[in-house]
């Protein structure tokens, strides 16, 4: 990004207050995307069908070998 700015390929950043509606919209979209992305990735680390037996379930594998430690943690 620094190289693109220095060579004039991108415009100078004018600050957050230059376009307050655009800035607010991007902040809301970033917040929503962050929440949705975290939920989807976290959900993929759990068994897809907890009662189902047989077949490979990547969520079950992730939970047993990696993600279970996250659920054992506690806040002091």
Protein backbone atom coordinates (compact mmCIF):
# COMPACT_ATOMS: atom_id res chain seq x y z
CA UNK A 1 0.00 0.00 0.00
CA UNK A 2 2.85 2.36 0.78
CA UNK A 3 4.41 1.70 -2.62
CA UNK A 4 1.09 2.30 -4.42
CA UNK A 5 0.62 5.57 -2.55
CA UNK A 6 4.20 6.71 -3.22
CA UNK A 7 3.92 5.98 -6.95
CA UNK A 8 0.58 7.79 -7.22
CA UNK A 9 -1.47 4.71 -8.10
CA UNK A 10 -3.88 5.31 -5.24
CA UNK A 11 -5.27 8.63 -4.05
CA UNK A 12 -4.24 10.36 -0.87
CA UNK A 13 -6.22 9.29 2.20
CA UNK A 14 -8.31 12.26 3.28
CA UNK A 15 -9.31 11.02 6.72
CA UNK A 16 -12.37 9.56 8.35
CA UNK A 17 -14.25 12.85 8.53
CA UNK A 18 -14.10 13.52 4.80
CA UNK A 19 -16.87 10.97 4.15
CA UNK A 20 -18.65 10.31 7.46
CA UNK A 21 -21.52 8.26 5.98
CA UNK A 22 -19.13 6.04 4.01
CA UNK A 23 -16.93 5.60 7.09
CA UNK A 24 -19.90 4.71 9.30
CA UNK A 25 -21.17 2.23 6.70
CA UNK A 26 -17.78 0.53 6.47
CA UNK A 27 -17.50 0.30 10.25
CA UNK A 28 -20.93 -1.34 10.50
CA UNK A 29 -20.15 -3.74 7.65
CA UNK A 30 -16.79 -4.65 9.20
CA UNK A 31 -18.49 -5.33 12.53
CA UNK A 32 -21.17 -7.51 10.92
CA UNK A 33 -18.63 -9.40 8.79
CA UNK A 34 -16.41 -10.00 11.83
CA UNK A 35 -19.34 -11.41 13.81
CA UNK A 36 -20.59 -13.59 10.96
CA UNK A 37 -17.10 -14.85 10.09
CA UNK A 38 -16.33 -15.75 13.72
CA UNK A 39 -19.64 -17.62 14.08
CA UNK A 40 -19.17 -19.63 10.87
CA UNK A 41 -15.55 -20.57 11.59
CA UNK A 42 -16.31 -21.41 15.23
CA UNK A 43 -19.33 -23.50 14.23
CA UNK A 44 -17.22 -25.45 11.71
CA UNK A 45 -14.99 -26.57 14.59
CA UNK A 46 -17.90 -28.41 16.23
CA UNK A 47 -19.42 -31.72 15.17
CA UNK A 48 -21.83 -31.16 12.28
CA UNK A 49 -24.37 -33.74 13.42
CA UNK A 50 -23.63 -34.60 17.07
CA UNK A 51 -25.82 -37.72 17.19
CA UNK A 52 -24.74 -39.18 13.85
CA UNK A 53 -22.21 -42.01 13.75
CA UNK A 54 -20.12 -43.12 10.79
CA UNK A 55 -18.47 -41.17 8.01
CA UNK A 56 -15.84 -38.49 8.38
CA UNK A 57 -16.99 -35.32 10.10
CA UNK A 58 -14.31 -32.58 9.92
CA UNK A 59 -15.99 -30.66 12.73
CA UNK A 60 -15.84 -33.68 15.03
CA UNK A 61 -12.15 -34.19 14.19
CA UNK A 62 -11.33 -30.49 14.80
CA UNK A 63 -13.17 -30.51 18.10
CA UNK A 64 -11.48 -33.67 19.41
CA UNK A 65 -7.96 -32.72 18.38
CA UNK A 66 -7.83 -28.92 18.59
CA UNK A 67 -10.91 -26.99 19.64
CA UNK A 68 -11.84 -28.78 22.87
CA UNK A 69 -9.10 -26.84 24.67
CA UNK A 70 -10.96 -23.59 23.93
CA UNK A 71 -14.02 -24.91 25.75
CA UNK A 72 -11.96 -26.01 28.76
CA UNK A 73 -10.71 -22.47 29.34
CA UNK A 74 -12.36 -20.16 31.85
CA UNK A 75 -12.25 -16.48 32.64
CA UNK A 76 -10.61 -15.66 35.97
